[in-house]
Protein backbone atom coordinates (compact mmCIF):
# COMPACT_ATOMS: atom_id res chain seq x y z
CA MET A 1 -47.77 -34.64 38.22
CA VAL A 2 -51.53 -34.49 37.51
CA ARG A 3 -53.56 -36.83 39.80
CA ALA A 4 -55.98 -39.33 38.25
CA SER A 5 -58.86 -37.74 40.10
CA THR A 6 -58.32 -34.41 38.32
CA LEU A 7 -58.31 -36.07 35.05
CA VAL A 8 -61.53 -37.84 35.83
CA LEU A 9 -63.05 -34.60 36.95
CA LEU A 10 -61.97 -32.92 33.73
CA ALA A 11 -63.31 -35.80 31.66
CA GLY A 12 -66.76 -35.49 33.39
CA ILE A 13 -66.94 -31.74 32.68
CA VAL A 14 -66.10 -32.37 29.02
CA LEU A 15 -68.86 -34.93 28.81
CA LEU A 16 -71.29 -32.36 30.14
CA PHE A 17 -70.83 -30.43 26.94
CA VAL A 18 -70.95 -33.23 24.43
CA PRO A 19 -73.96 -32.70 22.15
CA ILE A 20 -75.59 -36.02 22.88
CA PRO A 21 -77.70 -34.77 25.81
CA PRO A 22 -79.21 -37.82 27.69
CA ILE A 23 -76.17 -40.18 27.52
CA ALA A 24 -73.42 -37.54 27.84
CA THR A 25 -75.13 -35.75 30.60
CA ILE A 26 -75.68 -38.93 32.70
CA LEU A 27 -72.23 -40.19 32.03
CA GLY A 28 -70.68 -36.67 32.78
CA ILE A 29 -72.33 -36.57 36.22
CA ILE A 30 -71.39 -40.17 37.07
CA VAL A 31 -67.84 -39.36 35.99
CA ILE A 32 -67.66 -36.24 38.16
CA VAL A 33 -69.03 -38.18 41.06
CA LEU A 34 -66.29 -40.84 40.59
CA GLY A 35 -63.63 -38.05 40.34
CA VAL A 36 -64.80 -36.51 43.53
CA ALA A 37 -64.84 -39.94 45.36
CA LEU A 38 -61.35 -40.61 44.02
CA ARG A 39 -60.19 -37.27 45.35
CA LEU A 40 -61.79 -37.92 48.77
CA LEU A 41 -60.29 -41.38 49.06
CA THR A 42 -56.79 -40.67 47.78
CA ASP A 43 -56.17 -37.33 49.59
CA ARG A 44 -55.14 -38.27 53.17
């Protein structure tokens, strides 16, 4: 089963390539940071 943190990281990477630069880039970075935070908090 794929972990939620992996899906969040992938969503953030996809948002980086969406052709709406200011909004998508900021959201992409925020989503990637959230994915990394989830990964760190849930992997024990």
